[in-house]
Amino acid sequence: AVSANEDKPRAVPTGKKKTGNASCPIHTSEVVSITKCRCNTSDAAKQAYEGLVSQAIANAEENPDLALQILLSALDIQNDDLAMHMLALELAAKLNVWEQQ
C-alpha cells in the first residue's frame, strides 16, 4: 500500500528553534491535526498548558463540562498529545456534545 504522504516532501530537523507555534517533524500524527507542538512552545506556555491539563483531569469526573472547557483552552496552547485529544472526546461524549461512532 502506498501512503498518501509518500510523494510529499518531508521536513528535516535543522536544530534551529522555529518561531511561531507549528508542528515539528517529531510531533506529527495521522490521527489528529497537530498545529502547536511542545517543541515550539515557550516555557511559560508549557507551564500554563500543564496547569490547565491538571485542572481538567481533576475536574473530569465531578464537572465534565468545566473539564472540557479547561482542556480545550489547554489544547489551544499545545495540541501534540493524543491522550489529551482522546480525553476531550471522552468528555464531549459524556456531555452528549459528540457522538462516538
PDB file of N, CA and C in Angstrom:
ATOM      1  N   ALA A   1       0.841  -1.185   0.000  1.00  0.00           N
ATOM      2  CA  ALA A   1       0.000   0.000   0.000  1.00  0.00           C
ATOM      3  C   ALA A   1       0.877   1.235   0.000  1.00  0.00           C
ATOM      4  N   VAL A   2       0.472   2.223  -0.743  1.00  0.00           N
ATOM      5  CA  VAL A   2       1.220   3.473  -0.836  1.00  0.00           C
ATOM      6  C   VAL A   2       0.563   4.498   0.059  1.00  0.00           C
ATOM      7  N   SER A   3       1.354   5.137   0.885  1.00  0.00           N
ATOM      8  CA  SER A   3       0.854   6.174   1.776  1.00  0.00           C
ATOM      9  C   SER A   3       0.585   7.441   0.978  1.00  0.00           C
ATOM     10  N   ALA A   4      -0.430   8.174   1.369  1.00  0.00           N
ATOM     11  CA  ALA A   4      -0.757   9.432   0.703  1.00  0.00           C
ATOM     12  C   ALA A   4       0.333  10.466   0.906  1.00  0.00           C
ATOM     13  N   ASN A   5       1.177  10.282   1.924  1.00  0.00           N
ATOM     14  CA  ASN A   5       2.211  11.256   2.221  1.00  0.00           C
ATOM     15  C   ASN A   5       3.552  10.945   1.569  1.00  0.00           C
ATOM     16  N   GLU A   6       3.671   9.830   0.857  1.00  0.00           N
ATOM     17  CA  GLU A   6       4.956   9.439   0.310  1.00  0.00           C
ATOM     18  C   GLU A   6       5.490  10.405  -0.739  1.00  0.00           C
ATOM     19  N   ASP A   7       4.598  11.060  -1.471  1.00  0.00           N
ATOM     20  CA  ASP A   7       5.066  11.957  -2.518  1.00  0.00           C
ATOM     21  C   ASP A   7       5.283  13.387  -2.018  1.00  0.00           C
ATOM     22  N   LYS A   8       4.986  13.658  -0.749  1.00  0.00           N
ATOM     23  CA  LYS A   8       5.167  14.995  -0.200  1.00  0.00           C
ATOM     24  C   LYS A   8       6.564  15.129   0.388  1.00  0.00           C
ATOM     25  N   PRO A   9       7.184  16.300   0.241  1.00  0.00           N
ATOM     26  CA  PRO A   9       8.495  16.491   0.858  1.00  0.00           C
ATOM     27  C   PRO A   9       8.380  16.445   2.376  1.00  0.00           C
ATOM     28  N   ARG A  10       9.390  15.884   3.013  1.00  0.00           N
ATOM     29  CA  ARG A  10       9.385  15.781   4.465  1.00  0.00           C
ATOM     30  C   ARG A  10      10.331  16.820   5.050  1.00  0.00           C
ATOM     31  N   ALA A  11       9.931  17.359   6.205  1.00  0.00           N
ATOM     32  CA  ALA A  11      10.775  18.339   6.873  1.00  0.00           C
ATOM     33  C   ALA A  11      11.963  17.627   7.503  1.00  0.00           C
ATOM     34  N   VAL A  12      13.086  18.273   7.446  1.00  0.00           N
ATOM     35  CA  VAL A  12      14.297  17.729   8.046  1.00  0.00           C
ATOM     36  C   VAL A  12      14.679  18.623   9.210  1.00  0.00           C
ATOM     37  N   PRO A  13      14.853  18.052  10.419  1.00  0.00           N
ATOM     38  CA  PRO A  13      15.220  18.890  11.567  1.00  0.00           C
ATOM     39  C   PRO A  13      16.556  19.592  11.327  1.00  0.00           C
ATOM     40  N   THR A  14      16.610  20.876  11.626  1.00  0.00           N
ATOM     41  CA  THR A  14      17.835  21.643  11.422  1.00  0.00           C
ATOM     42  C   THR A  14      18.523  21.962  12.732  1.00  0.00           C
ATOM     43  N   GLY A  15      17.853  21.700  13.836  1.00  0.00           N
ATOM     44  CA  GLY A  15      18.402  22.048  15.136  1.00  0.00           C
ATOM     45  C   GLY A  15      18.088  23.479  15.530  1.00  0.00           C
ATOM     46  N   LYS A  16      17.491  24.236  14.629  1.00  0.00           N
ATOM     47  CA  LYS A  16      17.127  25.622  14.917  1.00  0.00           C
ATOM     48  C   LYS A  16      15.712  25.661  15.459  1.00  0.00           C
ATOM     49  N   LYS A  17      15.484  26.490  16.455  1.00  0.00           N
ATOM     50  CA  LYS A  17      14.160  26.656  17.023  1.00  0.00           C
ATOM     51  C   LYS A  17      13.326  27.500  16.065  1.00  0.00           C
ATOM     52  N   LYS A  18      12.148  27.005  15.741  1.00  0.00           N
ATOM     53  CA  LYS A  18      11.253  27.757  14.861  1.00  0.00           C
ATOM     54  C   LYS A  18      10.565  28.847  15.656  1.00  0.00           C
ATOM     55  N   THR A  19      10.195  29.890  14.954  1.00  0.00           N
ATOM     56  CA  THR A  19       9.349  30.894  15.572  1.00  0.00           C
ATOM     57  C   THR A  19       7.924  30.513  15.247  1.00  0.00           C
ATOM     58  N   GLY A  20       6.991  31.007  16.010  1.00  0.00           N
ATOM     59  CA  GLY A  20       5.609  30.626  15.803  1.00  0.00           C
ATOM     60  C   GLY A  20       5.301  29.358  16.564  1.00  0.00           C
ATOM     61  N   ASN A  21       4.170  28.774  16.283  1.00  0.00           N
ATOM     62  CA  ASN A  21       3.739  27.621  17.049  1.00  0.00           C
ATOM     63  C   ASN A  21       3.231  26.531  16.120  1.00  0.00           C
ATOM     64  N   ALA A  22       4.083  26.034  15.268  1.00  0.00           N
ATOM     65  CA  ALA A  22       3.701  24.998  14.315  1.00  0.00           C
ATOM     66  C   ALA A  22       4.160  23.642  14.816  1.00  0.00           C
ATOM     67  N   SER A  23       3.765  22.628  14.104  1.00  0.00           N
ATOM     68  CA  SER A  23       4.195  21.273  14.424  1.00  0.00           C
ATOM     69  C   SER A  23       5.593  21.044  13.865  1.00  0.00           C
ATOM     70  N   CYS A  24       6.382  20.292  14.604  1.00  0.00           N
ATOM     71  CA  CYS A  24       7.727  19.949  14.145  1.00  0.00           C
ATOM     72  C   CYS A  24       7.698  18.558  13.514  1.00  0.00           C
ATOM     73  N   PRO A  25       8.776  18.125  12.884  1.00  0.00           N
ATOM     74  CA  PRO A  25       8.794  16.799  12.254  1.00  0.00           C
ATOM     75  C   PRO A  25       8.625  15.641  13.245  1.00  0.00           C
ATOM     76  N   ILE A  26       8.968  15.865  14.505  1.00  0.00           N
ATOM     77  CA  ILE A  26       8.835  14.811  15.518  1.00  0.00           C
ATOM     78  C   ILE A  26       7.387  14.647  15.958  1.00  0.00           C
ATOM     79  N   HIS A  27       6.683  15.762  16.120  1.00  0.00           N
ATOM     80  CA  HIS A  27       5.308  15.731  16.617  1.00  0.00           C
ATOM     81  C   HIS A  27       4.324  15.867  15.460  1.00  0.00           C
ATOM     82  N   THR A  28       4.133  14.772  14.763  1.00  0.00           N
ATOM     83  CA  THR A  28       3.151  14.713  13.691  1.00  0.00           C
ATOM     84  C   THR A  28       2.228  13.543  13.959  1.00  0.00           C
ATOM     85  N   SER A  29       1.072  13.567  13.364  1.00  0.00           N
ATOM     86  CA  SER A  29       0.108  12.498  13.588  1.00  0.00           C
ATOM     87  C   SER A  29      -0.777  12.352  12.361  1.00  0.00           C
ATOM     88  N   GLU A  30      -1.119  11.124  12.066  1.00  0.00           N
ATOM     89  CA  GLU A  30      -2.097  10.866  11.016  1.00  0.00           C
ATOM     90  C   GLU A  30      -3.499  10.789  11.599  1.00  0.00           C
ATOM     91  N   VAL A  31      -3.607  10.866  12.932  1.00  0.00           N
ATOM     92  CA  VAL A  31      -4.884  10.732  13.619  1.00  0.00           C
ATOM     93  C   VAL A  31      -5.527  12.094  13.868  1.00  0.00           C
ATOM     94  N   VAL A  32      -4.728  13.057  14.336  1.00  0.00           N
ATOM     95  CA  VAL A  32      -5.247  14.394  14.634  1.00  0.00           C
ATOM     96  C   VAL A  32      -4.356  15.436  13.973  1.00  0.00           C
ATOM     97  N   SER A  33      -4.895  16.602  13.795  1.00  0.00           N
ATOM     98  CA  SER A  33      -4.133  17.704  13.225  1.00  0.00           C
ATOM     99  C   SER A  33      -3.364  18.405  14.345  1.00  0.00           C
ATOM    100  N   ILE A  34      -2.042  18.328  14.286  1.00  0.00           N
ATOM    101  CA  ILE A  34      -1.206  18.979  15.283  1.00  0.00           C
ATOM    102  C   ILE A  34      -0.696  20.286  14.689  1.00  0.00           C
ATOM    103  N   THR A  35      -1.085  21.368  15.325  1.00  0.00           N
ATOM    104  CA  THR A  35      -0.692  22.687  14.837  1.00  0.00           C
ATOM    105  C   THR A  35       0.204  23.420  15.824  1.00  0.00           C
ATOM    106  N   LYS A  36       0.251  22.937  17.066  1.00  0.00           N
ATOM    107  CA  LYS A  36       1.027  23.599  18.119  1.00  0.00           C
ATOM    108  C   LYS A  36       1.726  22.541  18.957  1.00  0.00           C
ATOM    109  N   CYS A  37       2.985  22.274  18.661  1.00  0.00           N
ATOM    110  CA  CYS A  37       3.693  21.242  19.419  1.00  0.00           C
ATOM    111  C   CYS A  37       4.571  21.844  20.501  1.00  0.00           C
ATOM    112  N   ARG A  38       4.945  21.009  21.455  1.00  0.00           N
ATOM    113  CA  ARG A  38       5.736  21.440  22.606  1.00  0.00           C
ATOM    114  C   ARG A  38       7.114  21.960  22.212  1.00  0.00           C
ATOM    115  N   CYS A  39       7.625  21.542  21.075  1.00  0.00           N
ATOM    116  CA  CYS A  39       8.951  21.987  20.638  1.00  0.00           C
ATOM    117  C   CYS A  39       8.971  23.467  20.282  1.00  0.00           C
ATOM    118  N   ASN A  40       7.820  24.000  19.934  1.00  0.00           N
ATOM    119  CA  ASN A  40       7.731  25.399  19.511  1.00  0.00           C
ATOM    120  C   ASN A  40       6.889  26.220  20.475  1.00  0.00           C
ATOM    121  N   THR A  41       6.851  25.785  21.746  1.00  0.00           N
ATOM    122  CA  THR A  41       6.059  26.461  22.758  1.00  0.00           C
ATOM    123  C   THR A  41       7.004  27.027  23.815  1.00  0.00           C
ATOM    124  N   SER A  42       6.753  28.234  24.255  1.00  0.00           N
ATOM    125  CA  SER A  42       7.604  28.855  25.276  1.00  0.00           C
ATOM    126  C   SER A  42       7.465  28.118  26.605  1.00  0.00           C
ATOM    127  N   ASP A  43       8.438  28.314  27.476  1.00  0.00           N
ATOM    128  CA  ASP A  43       8.381  27.684  28.799  1.00  0.00           C
ATOM    129  C   ASP A  43       7.150  28.140  29.575  1.00  0.00           C
ATOM    130  N   ALA A  44       6.816  29.413  29.479  1.00  0.00           N
ATOM    131  CA  ALA A  44       5.639  29.937  30.177  1.00  0.00           C
ATOM    132  C   ALA A  44       4.366  29.289  29.645  1.00  0.00           C
ATOM    133  N   ALA A  45       4.291  29.124  28.333  1.00  0.00           N
ATOM    134  CA  ALA A  45       3.115  28.485  27.738  1.00  0.00           C
ATOM    135  C   ALA A  45       3.042  27.013  28.139  1.00  0.00           C
ATOM    136  N   LYS A  46       4.194  26.340  28.209  1.00  0.00           N
ATOM    137  CA  LYS A  46       4.213  24.941  28.649  1.00  0.00           C
ATOM    138  C   LYS A  46       3.694  24.811  30.077  1.00  0.00           C
ATOM    139  N   GLN A  47       4.103  25.733  30.951  1.00  0.00           N
ATOM    140  CA  GLN A  47       3.635  25.715  32.336  1.00  0.00           C
ATOM    141  C   GLN A  47       2.126  25.963  32.398  1.00  0.00           C
ATOM    142  N   ALA A  48       1.646  26.910  31.598  1.00  0.00           N
ATOM    143  CA  ALA A  48       0.204  27.184  31.557  1.00  0.00           C
ATOM    144  C   ALA A  48      -0.551  25.945  31.073  1.00  0.00           C
ATOM    145  N   TYR A  49      -0.020  25.300  30.035  1.00  0.00           N
ATOM    146  CA  TYR A  49      -0.630  24.084  29.491  1.00  0.00           C
ATOM    147  C   TYR A  49      -0.709  23.001  30.565  1.00  0.00           C
ATOM    148  N   GLU A  50       0.408  22.744  31.238  1.00  0.00           N
ATOM    149  CA  GLU A  50       0.433  21.702  32.271  1.00  0.00           C
ATOM    150  C   GLU A  50      -0.564  22.001  33.388  1.00  0.00           C
ATOM    151  N   GLY A  51      -0.649  23.269  33.787  1.00  0.00           N
ATOM    152  CA  GLY A  51      -1.607  23.659  34.819  1.00  0.00           C
ATOM    153  C   GLY A  51      -3.045  23.417  34.384  1.00  0.00           C
ATOM    154  N   LEU A  52      -3.353  23.778  33.145  1.00  0.00           N
ATOM    155  CA  LEU A  52      -4.706  23.571  32.628  1.00  0.00           C
ATOM    156  C   LEU A  52      -5.038  22.088  32.504  1.00  0.00           C
ATOM    157  N   VAL A  53      -4.086  21.290  32.044  1.00  0.00           N
ATOM    158  CA  VAL A  53      -4.316  19.848  31.929  1.00  0.00           C
ATOM    159  C   VAL A  53      -4.580  19.255  33.306  1.00  0.00           C
ATOM    160  N   SER A  54      -3.811  19.659  34.308  1.00  0.00           N
ATOM    161  CA  SER A  54      -4.022  19.169  35.677  1.00  0.00           C
ATOM    162  C   SER A  54      -5.413  19.537  36.177  1.00  0.00           C
ATOM    163  N   GLN A  55      -5.829  20.774  35.916  1.00  0.00           N
ATOM    164  CA  GLN A  55      -7.171  21.210  36.327  1.00  0.00           C
ATOM    165  C   GLN A  55      -8.250  20.411  35.608  1.00  0.00           C
ATOM    166  N   ALA A  56      -8.066  20.179  34.325  1.00  0.00           N
ATOM    167  CA  ALA A  56      -9.054  19.433  33.547  1.00  0.00           C
ATOM    168  C   ALA A  56      -9.187  18.010  34.078  1.00  0.00           C
ATOM    169  N   ILE A  57      -8.069  17.359  34.337  1.00  0.00           N
ATOM    170  CA  ILE A  57      -8.105  15.988  34.853  1.00  0.00           C
ATOM    171  C   ILE A  57      -8.760  15.951  36.227  1.00  0.00           C
ATOM    172  N   ALA A  58      -8.447  16.933  37.070  1.00  0.00           N
ATOM    173  CA  ALA A  58      -9.031  16.991  38.417  1.00  0.00           C
ATOM    174  C   ALA A  58     -10.540  17.169  38.374  1.00  0.00           C
ATOM    175  N   ASN A  59     -11.053  17.826  37.348  1.00  0.00           N
ATOM    176  CA  ASN A  59     -12.493  18.102  37.251  1.00  0.00           C
ATOM    177  C   ASN A  59     -13.250  17.112  36.369  1.00  0.00           C
ATOM    178  N   ALA A  60     -12.557  16.192  35.730  1.00  0.00           N
ATOM    179  CA  ALA A  60     -13.170  15.324  34.722  1.00  0.00           C
ATOM    180  C   ALA A  60     -14.364  14.529  35.247  1.00  0.00           C
ATOM    181  N   GLU A  61     -14.271  13.974  36.432  1.00  0.00           N
ATOM    182  CA  GLU A  61     -15.362  13.148  36.959  1.00  0.00           C
ATOM    183  C   GLU A  61     -16.513  13.976  37.509  1.00  0.00           C
ATOM    184  N   GLU A  62     -16.206  14.954  38.328  1.00  0.00           N
ATOM    185  CA  GLU A  62     -17.233  15.728  39.029  1.00  0.00           C
ATOM    186  C   GLU A  62     -17.875  16.814  38.168  1.00  0.00           C
ATOM    187  N   ASN A  63     -17.077  17.410  37.279  1.00  0.00           N
ATOM    188  CA  ASN A  63     -17.579  18.531  36.484  1.00  0.00           C
ATOM    189  C   ASN A  63     -17.031  18.432  35.052  1.00  0.00           C
ATOM    190  N   PRO A  64     -17.558  17.488  34.273  1.00  0.00           N
ATOM    191  CA  PRO A  64     -17.009  17.276  32.925  1.00  0.00           C
ATOM    192  C   PRO A  64     -17.148  18.483  32.003  1.00  0.00           C
ATOM    193  N   ASP A  65     -18.177  19.288  32.186  1.00  0.00           N
ATOM    194  CA  ASP A  65     -18.345  20.476  31.345  1.00  0.00           C
ATOM    195  C   ASP A  65     -17.191  21.450  31.567  1.00  0.00           C
ATOM    196  N   LEU A  66     -16.887  21.724  32.828  1.00  0.00           N
ATOM    197  CA  LEU A  66     -15.760  22.601  33.148  1.00  0.00           C
ATOM    198  C   LEU A  66     -14.446  21.975  32.682  1.00  0.00           C
ATOM    199  N   ALA A  67     -14.293  20.684  32.902  1.00  0.00           N
ATOM    200  CA  ALA A  67     -13.074  19.991  32.492  1.00  0.00           C
ATOM    201  C   ALA A  67     -12.860  20.119  30.989  1.00  0.00           C
ATOM    202  N   LEU A  68     -13.922  19.965  30.202  1.00  0.00           N
ATOM    203  CA  LEU A  68     -13.799  20.081  28.752  1.00  0.00           C
ATOM    204  C   LEU A  68     -13.405  21.497  28.348  1.00  0.00           C
ATOM    205  N   GLN A  69     -14.022  22.491  28.967  1.00  0.00           N
ATOM    206  CA  GLN A  69     -13.668  23.885  28.660  1.00  0.00           C
ATOM    207  C   GLN A  69     -12.197  24.161  28.964  1.00  0.00           C
ATOM    208  N   ILE A  70     -11.734  23.669  30.121  1.00  0.00           N
ATOM    209  CA  ILE A  70     -10.336  23.869  30.503  1.00  0.00           C
ATOM    210  C   ILE A  70      -9.412  23.141  29.540  1.00  0.00           C
ATOM    211  N   LEU A  71      -9.767  21.909  29.200  1.00  0.00           N
ATOM    212  CA  LEU A  71      -8.928  21.118  28.303  1.00  0.00           C
ATOM    213  C   LEU A  71      -8.841  21.744  26.916  1.00  0.00           C
ATOM    214  N   LEU A  72      -9.940  22.278  26.426  1.00  0.00           N
ATOM    215  CA  LEU A  72      -9.903  22.947  25.122  1.00  0.00           C
ATOM    216  C   LEU A  72      -9.010  24.180  25.162  1.00  0.00           C
ATOM    217  N   SER A  73      -8.983  24.869  26.295  1.00  0.00           N
ATOM    218  CA  SER A  73      -8.060  26.001  26.454  1.00  0.00           C
ATOM    219  C   SER A  73      -6.617  25.513  26.419  1.00  0.00           C
ATOM    220  N   ALA A  74      -6.361  24.374  27.057  1.00  0.00           N
ATOM    221  CA  ALA A  74      -5.011  23.796  27.037  1.00  0.00           C
ATOM    222  C   ALA A  74      -4.623  23.414  25.613  1.00  0.00           C
ATOM    223  N   LEU A  75      -5.545  22.820  24.876  1.00  0.00           N
ATOM    224  CA  LEU A  75      -5.254  22.404  23.502  1.00  0.00           C
ATOM    225  C   LEU A  75      -5.044  23.596  22.573  1.00  0.00           C
ATOM    226  N   ASP A  76      -5.528  24.770  22.955  1.00  0.00           N
ATOM    227  CA  ASP A  76      -5.239  25.986  22.188  1.00  0.00           C
ATOM    228  C   ASP A  76      -3.784  26.407  22.362  1.00  0.00           C
ATOM    229  N   ILE A  77      -3.175  25.995  23.464  1.00  0.00           N
ATOM    230  CA  ILE A  77      -1.769  26.330  23.730  1.00  0.00           C
ATOM    231  C   ILE A  77      -0.848  25.317  23.075  1.00  0.00           C
ATOM    232  N   GLN A  78      -1.173  24.045  23.240  1.00  0.00           N
ATOM    233  CA  GLN A  78      -0.319  22.949  22.759  1.00  0.00           C
ATOM    234  C   GLN A  78      -1.230  21.762  22.454  1.00  0.00           C
ATOM    235  N   ASN A  79      -1.114  21.190  21.263  1.00  0.00           N
ATOM    236  CA  ASN A  79      -2.043  20.111  20.905  1.00  0.00           C
ATOM    237  C   ASN A  79      -1.351  18.889  20.297  1.00  0.00           C
ATOM    238  N   ASP A  80      -0.185  18.553  20.818  1.00  0.00           N
ATOM    239  CA  ASP A  80       0.546  17.410  20.262  1.00  0.00           C
ATOM    240  C   ASP A  80       0.389  16.119  21.059  1.00  0.00           C
ATOM    241  N   ASP A  81      -0.435  16.136  22.105  1.00  0.00           N
ATOM    242  CA  ASP A  81      -0.608  14.950  22.947  1.00  0.00           C
ATOM    243  C   ASP A  81      -1.932  14.267  22.600  1.00  0.00           C
ATOM    244  N   LEU A  82      -1.832  13.130  21.946  1.00  0.00           N
ATOM    245  CA  LEU A  82      -3.023  12.400  21.521  1.00  0.00           C
ATOM    246  C   LEU A  82      -3.921  12.040  22.704  1.00  0.00           C
ATOM    247  N   ALA A  83      -3.344  11.756  23.859  1.00  0.00           N
ATOM    248  CA  ALA A  83      -4.140  11.410  25.045  1.00  0.00           C
ATOM    249  C   ALA A  83      -5.067  12.558  25.439  1.00  0.00           C
ATOM    250  N   MET A  84      -4.624  13.802  25.252  1.00  0.00           N
ATOM    251  CA  MET A  84      -5.464  14.947  25.596  1.00  0.00           C
ATOM    252  C   MET A  84      -6.600  15.108  24.587  1.00  0.00           C
ATOM    253  N   HIS A  85      -6.334  14.802  23.329  1.00  0.00           N
ATOM    254  CA  HIS A  85      -7.410  14.803  22.330  1.00  0.00           C
ATOM    255  C   HIS A  85      -8.448  13.743  22.681  1.00  0.00           C
ATOM    256  N   MET A  86      -7.963  12.564  23.093  1.00  0.00           N
ATOM    257  CA  MET A  86      -8.876  11.476  23.456  1.00  0.00           C
ATOM    258  C   MET A  86      -9.701  11.847  24.687  1.00  0.00           C
ATOM    259  N   LEU A  87      -9.081  12.486  25.678  1.00  0.00           N
ATOM    260  CA  LEU A  87      -9.809  12.917  26.864  1.00  0.00           C
ATOM    261  C   LEU A  87     -10.882  13.930  26.482  1.00  0.00           C
ATOM    262  N   ALA A  88     -10.554  14.849  25.594  1.00  0.00           N
ATOM    263  CA  ALA A  88     -11.546  15.833  25.147  1.00  0.00           C
ATOM    264  C   ALA A  88     -12.731  15.143  24.477  1.00  0.00           C
ATOM    265  N   LEU A  89     -12.466  14.145  23.657  1.00  0.00           N
ATOM    266  CA  LEU A  89     -13.553  13.407  23.007  1.00  0.00           C
ATOM    267  C   LEU A  89     -14.381  12.627  24.022  1.00  0.00           C
ATOM    268  N   GLU A  90     -13.730  12.031  25.014  1.00  0.00           N
ATOM    269  CA  GLU A  90     -14.461  11.298  26.060  1.00  0.00           C
ATOM    270  C   GLU A  90     -15.360  12.237  26.854  1.00  0.00           C
ATOM    271  N   LEU A  91     -14.838  13.404  27.214  1.00  0.00           N
ATOM    272  CA  LEU A  91     -15.643  14.381  27.949  1.00  0.00           C
ATOM    273  C   LEU A  91     -16.814  14.872  27.099  1.00  0.00           C
ATOM    274  N   ALA A  92     -16.557  15.138  25.821  1.00  0.00           N
ATOM    275  CA  ALA A  92     -17.628  15.589  24.924  1.00  0.00           C
ATOM    276  C   ALA A  92     -18.701  14.518  24.784  1.00  0.00           C
ATOM    277  N   ALA A  93     -18.303  13.258  24.696  1.00  0.00           N
ATOM    278  CA  ALA A  93     -19.271  12.163  24.608  1.00  0.00           C
ATOM    279  C   ALA A  93     -20.083  12.053  25.901  1.00  0.00           C
ATOM    280  N   LYS A  94     -19.423  12.227  27.021  1.00  0.00           N
ATOM    281  CA  LYS A  94     -20.098  12.170  28.322  1.00  0.00           C
ATOM    282  C   LYS A  94     -21.157  13.262  28.429  1.00  0.00           C
ATOM    283  N   LEU A  95     -20.882  14.407  27.814  1.00  0.00           N
ATOM    284  CA  LEU A  95     -21.800  15.546  27.846  1.00  0.00           C
ATOM    285  C   LEU A  95     -22.807  15.523  26.692  1.00  0.00           C
ATOM    286  N   ASN A  96     -22.736  14.485  25.873  1.00  0.00           N
ATOM    287  CA  ASN A  96     -23.609  14.345  24.698  1.00  0.00           C
ATOM    288  C   ASN A  96     -23.448  15.488  23.700  1.00  0.00           C
ATOM    289  N   VAL A  97     -22.241  16.033  23.601  1.00  0.00           N
ATOM    290  CA  VAL A  97     -21.978  17.057  22.591  1.00  0.00           C
ATOM    291  C   VAL A  97     -21.175  16.477  21.435  1.00  0.00           C
ATOM    292  N   TRP A  98     -20.829  15.215  21.531  1.00  0.00           N
ATOM    293  CA  TRP A  98     -20.144  14.491  20.459  1.00  0.00           C
ATOM    294  C   TRP A  98     -20.594  13.051  20.524  1.00  0.00           C
ATOM    295  N   GLU A  99     -20.977  12.514  19.392  1.00  0.00           N
ATOM    296  CA  GLU A  99     -21.460  11.137  19.342  1.00  0.00           C
ATOM    297  C   GLU A  99     -20.344  10.222  18.860  1.00  0.00           C
ATOM    298  N   GLN A 100     -20.015   9.223  19.694  1.00  0.00           N
ATOM    299  CA  GLN A 100     -18.995   8.253  19.295  1.00  0.00           C
ATOM    300  C   GLN A 100     -19.533   7.398  18.179  1.00  0.00           C
ATOM    301  N   GLN A 101     -18.630   7.031  17.265  1.00  0.00           N
ATOM    302  CA  GLN A 101     -19.076   6.237  16.120  1.00  0.00           C
ATOM    303  C   GLN A 101     -18.428   4.890  16.138  1.00  0.00           C
TER     304      GLN A 101
END
